[in-house]
Amino acid sequence: MSGIFDFLRESRRDLDAWLAERNLAHTFSLTSYAVHRSVDRLIERHVTGRCLDAGSGRAPYKSRLRERGVEVITMDIENRSGDVDLVADLQDMPAVRSASVDAVICTEVLEHVADPGAALAEIARVLRPEGVVVLSVPHLSPIHEAPHDYYRYTRYGLAHLFERAGLEVLEMGAAGGLLAFLGHGMSQAFFTTTSALKPLRPAAWALNYVVLVRLLDLLDRALGLSSIYASNWVVLARKRSSA
């Protein structure tokens, strides 16, 4: 049994790299698609100047930011992409000077941080006054990146953490509902197994994207009950000028 799980994990890592190379990471499932759509909208409207991508992973927003003339600094606890500017812990970033960035993007990271209050305090520290944060976290999610998977968040817990860090929440919205959460598991099962056969990968991607992302998105918007079964929350916040 362990051999099967090892095979699936390796298949998933290879699939993630394949998607990232084609700038398609956000199409893996409806959950990732909904988060990307919400984050991209906030980037378009609010992110300018110098931006820290905190917990950047494979940096899915890097090209989008650079297209808009934003200076991007990628930071992560490990260099998965081979193109991370800073290797550091979000809870303690001495390499990033205080009040040195205009924006911070932090997507699907805070659940993997043992002390989210310390992480948000560091984000507030490196932001200039009136600088903005675009952040996403799961509310419904299976265990992932174990053993470093610590929290799931309600909108009320997030509001409390942001307030305590001196960050004013400007917007908070659900990205996906109950069907998005359930669909993520279906995409994971289907896409990871079928794409293990590399010649089938483009066809598997197309079928997954049409049925389990775009069509399911229509149903999720109508029936997903996102106000109480939010798959993820996406937040726009601002550092108070007095902080």
C-alpha atoms as a PDB file:
ATOM      1  CA  MET A   1       0.000   0.000   0.000  1.00  0.00           C
ATOM      2  CA  SER A   2       2.803   2.420   0.836  1.00  0.00           C
ATOM      3  CA  GLY A   3       4.197   1.842  -2.664  1.00  0.00           C
ATOM      4  CA  ILE A   4       0.912   3.034  -4.189  1.00  0.00           C
ATOM      5  CA  PHE A   5       0.894   6.177  -2.056  1.00  0.00           C
ATOM      6  CA  ASP A   6       4.526   6.898  -2.913  1.00  0.00           C
ATOM      7  CA  PHE A   7       3.666   6.514  -6.607  1.00  0.00           C
ATOM      8  CA  LEU A   8       0.705   8.905  -6.310  1.00  0.00           C
ATOM      9  CA  ARG A   9       2.759  11.483  -4.399  1.00  0.00           C
ATOM     10  CA  GLU A  10       5.468  11.373  -7.055  1.00  0.00           C
ATOM     11  CA  SER A  11       2.806  11.622  -9.776  1.00  0.00           C
ATOM     12  CA  ARG A  12       1.320  14.680  -8.060  1.00  0.00           C
ATOM     13  CA  ARG A  13       4.705  16.403  -7.774  1.00  0.00           C
ATOM     14  CA  ASP A  14       5.387  15.749 -11.450  1.00  0.00           C
ATOM     15  CA  LEU A  15       1.904  16.999 -12.363  1.00  0.00           C
ATOM     16  CA  ASP A  16       2.368  20.201 -10.319  1.00  0.00           C
ATOM     17  CA  ALA A  17       5.621  20.898 -12.155  1.00  0.00           C
ATOM     18  CA  TRP A  18       3.929  20.241 -15.525  1.00  0.00           C
ATOM     19  CA  LEU A  19       1.106  22.662 -14.706  1.00  0.00           C
ATOM     20  CA  ALA A  20       3.473  25.328 -13.367  1.00  0.00           C
ATOM     21  CA  GLU A  21       5.596  25.220 -16.527  1.00  0.00           C
ATOM     22  CA  ARG A  22       2.456  26.023 -18.553  1.00  0.00           C
ATOM     23  CA  ASN A  23       1.109  28.631 -16.109  1.00  0.00           C
ATOM     24  CA  LEU A  24      -1.876  26.340 -15.429  1.00  0.00           C
ATOM     25  CA  ALA A  25      -1.437  25.629 -11.705  1.00  0.00           C
ATOM     26  CA  HIS A  26      -4.705  27.418 -10.957  1.00  0.00           C
ATOM     27  CA  THR A  27      -6.635  24.966 -13.166  1.00  0.00           C
ATOM     28  CA  PHE A  28      -5.890  21.902 -11.031  1.00  0.00           C
ATOM     29  CA  SER A  29      -9.282  22.094  -9.311  1.00  0.00           C
ATOM     30  CA  LEU A  30     -12.179  24.476  -8.775  1.00  0.00           C
ATOM     31  CA  THR A  31     -10.744  25.432  -5.390  1.00  0.00           C
ATOM     32  CA  SER A  32      -7.443  26.563  -6.891  1.00  0.00           C
ATOM     33  CA  TYR A  33      -9.286  28.236  -9.782  1.00  0.00           C
ATOM     34  CA  ALA A  34     -11.617  30.196  -7.459  1.00  0.00           C
ATOM     35  CA  VAL A  35      -8.751  31.363  -5.231  1.00  0.00           C
ATOM     36  CA  HIS A  36      -6.665  32.421  -8.228  1.00  0.00           C
ATOM     37  CA  ARG A  37      -9.597  34.334  -9.735  1.00  0.00           C
ATOM     38  CA  SER A  38     -10.190  36.289  -6.506  1.00  0.00           C
ATOM     39  CA  VAL A  39      -6.499  36.959  -5.842  1.00  0.00           C
ATOM     40  CA  ASP A  40      -5.886  38.022  -9.446  1.00  0.00           C
ATOM     41  CA  ARG A  41      -8.748  40.526  -9.223  1.00  0.00           C
ATOM     42  CA  LEU A  42      -7.242  42.101  -6.100  1.00  0.00           C
ATOM     43  CA  ILE A  43      -3.771  42.189  -7.653  1.00  0.00           C
ATOM     44  CA  GLU A  44      -5.171  44.019 -10.671  1.00  0.00           C
ATOM     45  CA  ARG A  45      -6.856  46.651  -8.521  1.00  0.00           C
ATOM     46  CA  HIS A  46      -4.517  47.165  -5.603  1.00  0.00           C
ATOM     47  CA  VAL A  47      -0.952  45.819  -5.963  1.00  0.00           C
ATOM     48  CA  THR A  48       1.691  48.246  -7.197  1.00  0.00           C
ATOM     49  CA  GLY A  49       5.299  49.153  -6.449  1.00  0.00           C
ATOM     50  CA  ARG A  50       7.404  46.590  -4.604  1.00  0.00           C
ATOM     51  CA  CYS A  51       5.713  43.342  -3.613  1.00  0.00           C
ATOM     52  CA  LEU A  52       6.789  40.465  -1.378  1.00  0.00           C
ATOM     53  CA  ASP A  53       5.306  37.107  -2.403  1.00  0.00           C
ATOM     54  CA  ALA A  54       5.482  35.445   1.021  1.00  0.00           C
ATOM     55  CA  GLY A  55       5.360  31.672   0.805  1.00  0.00           C
ATOM     56  CA  SER A  56       5.606  31.876  -2.965  1.00  0.00           C
ATOM     57  CA  GLY A  57       5.948  28.163  -3.727  1.00  0.00           C
ATOM     58  CA  ARG A  58       6.159  27.947  -7.518  1.00  0.00           C
ATOM     59  CA  ALA A  59       5.280  31.679  -7.726  1.00  0.00           C
ATOM     60  CA  PRO A  60       2.056  31.434  -9.776  1.00  0.00           C
ATOM     61  CA  TYR A  61       1.469  35.218  -9.631  1.00  0.00           C
ATOM     62  CA  LYS A  62       5.008  36.320 -10.506  1.00  0.00           C
ATOM     63  CA  SER A  63       4.517  36.765 -14.241  1.00  0.00           C
ATOM     64  CA  ARG A  64       1.178  38.522 -13.702  1.00  0.00           C
ATOM     65  CA  LEU A  65       2.752  40.989 -11.291  1.00  0.00           C
ATOM     66  CA  ARG A  66       5.707  41.708 -13.557  1.00  0.00           C
ATOM     67  CA  GLU A  67       3.354  42.332 -16.475  1.00  0.00           C
ATOM     68  CA  ARG A  68       1.918  45.163 -14.382  1.00  0.00           C
ATOM     69  CA  GLY A  69       5.355  46.625 -13.668  1.00  0.00           C
ATOM     70  CA  VAL A  70       5.465  45.372 -10.066  1.00  0.00           C
ATOM     71  CA  GLU A  71       8.861  44.545  -8.568  1.00  0.00           C
ATOM     72  CA  VAL A  72       8.458  41.034  -7.115  1.00  0.00           C
ATOM     73  CA  ILE A  73      10.481  39.469  -4.305  1.00  0.00           C
ATOM     74  CA  THR A  74       9.711  35.777  -3.847  1.00  0.00           C
ATOM     75  CA  MET A  75      10.207  34.259  -0.402  1.00  0.00           C
ATOM     76  CA  ASP A  76       9.595  30.729   0.852  1.00  0.00           C
ATOM     77  CA  ILE A  77      10.815  28.365   3.524  1.00  0.00           C
ATOM     78  CA  GLU A  78      12.346  26.191   0.787  1.00  0.00           C
ATOM     79  CA  ASN A  79      13.314  26.714  -2.840  1.00  0.00           C
ATOM     80  CA  ARG A  80      10.832  24.416  -4.599  1.00  0.00           C
ATOM     81  CA  SER A  81      10.781  26.356  -7.856  1.00  0.00           C
ATOM     82  CA  GLY A  82      14.535  26.891  -8.030  1.00  0.00           C
ATOM     83  CA  ASP A  83      13.817  30.617  -8.440  1.00  0.00           C
ATOM     84  CA  VAL A  84      13.139  31.861  -4.897  1.00  0.00           C
ATOM     85  CA  ASP A  85      14.830  35.149  -3.990  1.00  0.00           C
ATOM     86  CA  LEU A  86      14.803  34.633  -0.217  1.00  0.00           C
ATOM     87  CA  VAL A  87      14.657  31.403   1.779  1.00  0.00           C
ATOM     88  CA  ALA A  88      13.109  32.386   5.101  1.00  0.00           C
ATOM     89  CA  ASP A  89      10.398  31.582   7.635  1.00  0.00           C
ATOM     90  CA  LEU A  90       7.310  33.803   7.376  1.00  0.00           C
ATOM     91  CA  GLN A  91       7.246  34.023  11.177  1.00  0.00           C
ATOM     92  CA  ASP A  92      10.692  35.669  11.215  1.00  0.00           C
ATOM     93  CA  MET A  93      12.044  37.506   8.151  1.00  0.00           C
ATOM     94  CA  PRO A  94      15.065  39.561   9.267  1.00  0.00           C
ATOM     95  CA  ALA A  95      16.319  39.700   5.659  1.00  0.00           C
ATOM     96  CA  VAL A  96      13.330  41.893   4.756  1.00  0.00           C
ATOM     97  CA  ARG A  97      13.674  45.431   6.107  1.00  0.00           C
ATOM     98  CA  SER A  98      10.851  47.055   8.038  1.00  0.00           C
ATOM     99  CA  ALA A  99       8.502  49.237   5.961  1.00  0.00           C
ATOM    100  CA  SER A 100      10.292  48.228   2.744  1.00  0.00           C
ATOM    101  CA  VAL A 101       7.471  46.857   0.544  1.00  0.00           C
ATOM    102  CA  ASP A 102       4.237  48.306  -0.808  1.00  0.00           C
ATOM    103  CA  ALA A 103       2.356  45.009  -0.902  1.00  0.00           C
ATOM    104  CA  VAL A 104       2.471  41.440   0.368  1.00  0.00           C
ATOM    105  CA  ILE A 105       0.845  38.461  -1.314  1.00  0.00           C
ATOM    106  CA  CYS A 106       0.419  35.391   0.871  1.00  0.00           C
ATOM    107  CA  THR A 107      -1.733  32.641  -0.642  1.00  0.00           C
ATOM    108  CA  GLU A 108      -2.516  29.278   0.968  1.00  0.00           C
ATOM    109  CA  VAL A 109       0.340  29.640   3.457  1.00  0.00           C
ATOM    110  CA  LEU A 110      -1.049  30.686   6.836  1.00  0.00           C
ATOM    111  CA  GLU A 111      -2.510  27.223   7.561  1.00  0.00           C
ATOM    112  CA  HIS A 112       1.055  25.836   7.451  1.00  0.00           C
ATOM    113  CA  VAL A 113       2.442  28.345   9.957  1.00  0.00           C
ATOM    114  CA  ALA A 114       2.535  27.279  13.617  1.00  0.00           C
ATOM    115  CA  ASP A 115       2.160  30.879  14.878  1.00  0.00           C
ATOM    116  CA  PRO A 116      -0.070  32.813  12.438  1.00  0.00           C
ATOM    117  CA  GLY A 117      -0.102  35.840  14.733  1.00  0.00           C
ATOM    118  CA  ALA A 118       3.684  36.114  14.465  1.00  0.00           C
ATOM    119  CA  ALA A 119       3.473  35.708  10.679  1.00  0.00           C
ATOM    120  CA  LEU A 120       0.932  38.519  10.306  1.00  0.00           C
ATOM    121  CA  ALA A 121       2.980  40.712  12.647  1.00  0.00           C
ATOM    122  CA  GLU A 122       5.985  40.189  10.353  1.00  0.00           C
ATOM    123  CA  ILE A 123       3.874  41.011   7.301  1.00  0.00           C
ATOM    124  CA  ALA A 124       2.743  44.215   8.999  1.00  0.00           C
ATOM    125  CA  ARG A 125       6.333  45.053   9.930  1.00  0.00           C
ATOM    126  CA  VAL A 126       7.701  44.840   6.380  1.00  0.00           C
ATOM    127  CA  LEU A 127       4.799  46.806   4.880  1.00  0.00           C
ATOM    128  CA  ARG A 128       5.002  50.538   4.429  1.00  0.00           C
ATOM    129  CA  PRO A 129       2.135  52.530   6.008  1.00  0.00           C
ATOM    130  CA  GLU A 130      -0.978  52.163   3.835  1.00  0.00           C
ATOM    131  CA  GLY A 131       0.615  49.121   2.162  1.00  0.00           C
ATOM    132  CA  VAL A 132      -1.737  46.264   1.268  1.00  0.00           C
ATOM    133  CA  VAL A 133      -1.944  42.533   1.915  1.00  0.00           C
ATOM    134  CA  VAL A 134      -3.662  40.030  -0.379  1.00  0.00           C
ATOM    135  CA  LEU A 135      -4.032  36.757   1.500  1.00  0.00           C
ATOM    136  CA  SER A 136      -5.939  33.506   1.057  1.00  0.00           C
ATOM    137  CA  VAL A 137      -6.503  30.622   3.466  1.00  0.00           C
ATOM    138  CA  PRO A 138      -8.645  27.480   3.533  1.00  0.00           C
ATOM    139  CA  HIS A 139     -11.806  27.096   5.539  1.00  0.00           C
ATOM    140  CA  LEU A 140     -12.550  23.591   4.217  1.00  0.00           C
ATOM    141  CA  SER A 141      -9.582  21.458   3.206  1.00  0.00           C
ATOM    142  CA  PRO A 142      -8.189  17.944   3.597  1.00  0.00           C
ATOM    143  CA  ILE A 143      -4.894  17.470   5.413  1.00  0.00           C
ATOM    144  CA  HIS A 144      -1.986  18.448   3.177  1.00  0.00           C
ATOM    145  CA  GLU A 145       1.729  19.188   3.541  1.00  0.00           C
ATOM    146  CA  ALA A 146       1.676  17.078   6.730  1.00  0.00           C
ATOM    147  CA  PRO A 147       2.935  17.395   9.390  1.00  0.00           C
ATOM    148  CA  HIS A 148       3.013  21.165   8.811  1.00  0.00           C
ATOM    149  CA  ASP A 149      -0.740  21.614   8.486  1.00  0.00           C
ATOM    150  CA  TYR A 150      -2.000  23.423  11.565  1.00  0.00           C
ATOM    151  CA  TYR A 151      -5.175  25.472  11.030  1.00  0.00           C
ATOM    152  CA  ARG A 152      -8.401  26.125   9.145  1.00  0.00           C
ATOM    153  CA  TYR A 153      -9.890  29.628   9.359  1.00  0.00           C
ATOM    154  CA  THR A 154     -13.278  31.240   9.749  1.00  0.00           C
ATOM    155  CA  ARG A 155     -13.794  34.820   8.645  1.00  0.00           C
ATOM    156  CA  TYR A 156     -14.110  35.836  12.296  1.00  0.00           C
ATOM    157  CA  GLY A 157     -10.802  34.273  13.303  1.00  0.00           C
ATOM    158  CA  LEU A 158      -9.106  35.978  10.365  1.00  0.00           C
ATOM    159  CA  ALA A 159     -10.591  39.354  11.271  1.00  0.00           C
ATOM    160  CA  HIS A 160      -9.281  38.952  14.825  1.00  0.00           C
ATOM    161  CA  LEU A 161      -5.758  38.038  13.664  1.00  0.00           C
ATOM    162  CA  PHE A 162      -5.582  40.948  11.224  1.00  0.00           C
ATOM    163  CA  GLU A 163      -6.853  43.422  13.805  1.00  0.00           C
ATOM    164  CA  ARG A 164      -4.289  42.260  16.352  1.00  0.00           C
ATOM    165  CA  ALA A 165      -1.497  42.713  13.782  1.00  0.00           C
ATOM    166  CA  GLY A 166      -2.534  46.320  13.042  1.00  0.00           C
ATOM    167  CA  LEU A 167      -3.958  45.465   9.621  1.00  0.00           C
ATOM    168  CA  GLU A 168      -7.340  46.857   8.566  1.00  0.00           C
ATOM    169  CA  VAL A 169      -9.490  44.413   6.592  1.00  0.00           C
ATOM    170  CA  LEU A 170     -10.927  46.151   3.532  1.00  0.00           C
ATOM    171  CA  GLU A 171     -12.491  43.115   1.820  1.00  0.00           C
ATOM    172  CA  MET A 172     -13.061  39.496   2.747  1.00  0.00           C
ATOM    173  CA  GLY A 173     -14.872  37.083   0.467  1.00  0.00           C
ATOM    174  CA  ALA A 174     -15.384  33.372  -0.054  1.00  0.00           C
ATOM    175  CA  ALA A 175     -13.544  31.712  -2.928  1.00  0.00           C
ATOM    176  CA  GLY A 176     -15.615  28.640  -3.688  1.00  0.00           C
ATOM    177  CA  GLY A 177     -18.244  26.865  -1.650  1.00  0.00           C
ATOM    178  CA  LEU A 178     -19.099  23.330  -0.612  1.00  0.00           C
ATOM    179  CA  LEU A 179     -19.081  21.969  -4.174  1.00  0.00           C
ATOM    180  CA  ALA A 180     -15.650  23.475  -4.790  1.00  0.00           C
ATOM    181  CA  PHE A 181     -14.349  21.673  -1.706  1.00  0.00           C
ATOM    182  CA  LEU A 182     -15.842  18.353  -2.798  1.00  0.00           C
ATOM    183  CA  GLY A 183     -14.704  18.908  -6.369  1.00  0.00           C
ATOM    184  CA  HIS A 184     -11.104  19.376  -5.247  1.00  0.00           C
ATOM    185  CA  GLY A 185     -11.017  15.789  -4.027  1.00  0.00           C
ATOM    186  CA  MET A 186     -12.524  14.561  -7.287  1.00  0.00           C
ATOM    187  CA  SER A 187      -9.987  16.505  -9.343  1.00  0.00           C
ATOM    188  CA  GLN A 188      -7.173  15.196  -7.188  1.00  0.00           C
ATOM    189  CA  ALA A 189      -8.276  11.571  -7.602  1.00  0.00           C
ATOM    190  CA  PHE A 190      -8.977  11.832 -11.336  1.00  0.00           C
ATOM    191  CA  PHE A 191      -6.182  14.116 -12.475  1.00  0.00           C
ATOM    192  CA  THR A 192      -3.399  12.603 -10.370  1.00  0.00           C
ATOM    193  CA  THR A 193      -4.125   9.021 -11.445  1.00  0.00           C
ATOM    194  CA  THR A 194      -4.824   9.617 -15.146  1.00  0.00           C
ATOM    195  CA  SER A 195      -1.955  12.052 -15.630  1.00  0.00           C
ATOM    196  CA  ALA A 196       0.498   9.461 -14.325  1.00  0.00           C
ATOM    197  CA  LEU A 197       0.310   8.183 -17.916  1.00  0.00           C
ATOM    198  CA  LYS A 198       2.045  11.170 -19.477  1.00  0.00           C
ATOM    199  CA  PRO A 199       0.642  10.774 -23.014  1.00  0.00           C
ATOM    200  CA  LEU A 200      -2.860  11.112 -21.511  1.00  0.00           C
ATOM    201  CA  ARG A 201      -2.019  14.229 -19.503  1.00  0.00           C
ATOM    202  CA  PRO A 202      -3.242  16.916 -21.964  1.00  0.00           C
ATOM    203  CA  ALA A 203      -6.562  15.097 -22.480  1.00  0.00           C
ATOM    204  CA  ALA A 204      -6.938  14.510 -18.722  1.00  0.00           C
ATOM    205  CA  TRP A 205      -6.270  18.205 -18.080  1.00  0.00           C
ATOM    206  CA  ALA A 206      -8.883  19.281 -20.646  1.00  0.00           C
ATOM    207  CA  LEU A 207     -11.566  16.948 -19.270  1.00  0.00           C
ATOM    208  CA  ASN A 208     -10.858  17.950 -15.669  1.00  0.00           C
ATOM    209  CA  TYR A 209     -10.887  21.654 -16.542  1.00  0.00           C
ATOM    210  CA  VAL A 210     -14.142  21.569 -18.509  1.00  0.00           C
ATOM    211  CA  VAL A 211     -16.150  19.308 -16.161  1.00  0.00           C
ATOM    212  CA  LEU A 212     -14.689  19.652 -12.656  1.00  0.00           C
ATOM    213  CA  VAL A 213     -13.608  23.287 -12.890  1.00  0.00           C
ATOM    214  CA  ARG A 214     -15.708  25.375 -15.271  1.00  0.00           C
ATOM    215  CA  LEU A 215     -19.020  23.462 -15.212  1.00  0.00           C
ATOM    216  CA  LEU A 216     -18.792  22.757 -11.493  1.00  0.00           C
ATOM    217  CA  ASP A 217     -18.084  26.454 -10.938  1.00  0.00           C
ATOM    218  CA  LEU A 218     -21.545  27.323 -12.266  1.00  0.00           C
ATOM    219  CA  LEU A 219     -23.194  24.855  -9.875  1.00  0.00           C
ATOM    220  CA  ASP A 220     -21.043  25.954  -6.958  1.00  0.00           C
ATOM    221  CA  ARG A 221     -21.992  29.603  -7.392  1.00  0.00           C
ATOM    222  CA  ALA A 222     -25.678  28.621  -7.300  1.00  0.00           C
ATOM    223  CA  LEU A 223     -25.618  25.803  -4.717  1.00  0.00           C
ATOM    224  CA  GLY A 224     -22.286  26.004  -2.891  1.00  0.00           C
ATOM    225  CA  LEU A 225     -23.598  27.824   0.220  1.00  0.00           C
ATOM    226  CA  SER A 226     -20.318  29.736   0.378  1.00  0.00           C
ATOM    227  CA  SER A 227     -21.416  31.990   3.253  1.00  0.00           C
ATOM    228  CA  ILE A 228     -21.256  29.025   5.644  1.00  0.00           C
ATOM    229  CA  TYR A 229     -19.320  26.433   3.624  1.00  0.00           C
ATOM    230  CA  ALA A 230     -16.621  28.649   2.160  1.00  0.00           C
ATOM    231  CA  SER A 231     -13.899  26.550   0.602  1.00  0.00           C
ATOM    232  CA  ASN A 232     -11.398  29.396   1.062  1.00  0.00           C
ATOM    233  CA  TRP A 233     -11.332  33.002   2.211  1.00  0.00           C
ATOM    234  CA  VAL A 234      -9.534  35.741   0.299  1.00  0.00           C
ATOM    235  CA  VAL A 235      -8.657  38.932   2.175  1.00  0.00           C
ATOM    236  CA  LEU A 236      -7.553  42.413   1.187  1.00  0.00           C
ATOM    237  CA  ALA A 237      -6.139  44.387   4.111  1.00  0.00           C
ATOM    238  CA  ARG A 238      -4.160  47.571   4.626  1.00  0.00           C
ATOM    239  CA  LYS A 239      -1.521  48.574   7.161  1.00  0.00           C
ATOM    240  CA  ARG A 240      -2.805  51.456   9.203  1.00  0.00           C
ATOM    241  CA  SER A 241      -0.773  54.610   8.816  1.00  0.00           C
ATOM    242  CA  SER A 242      -0.399  54.812  12.608  1.00  0.00           C
ATOM    243  CA  ALA A 243       0.888  51.222  12.933  1.00  0.00           C
END
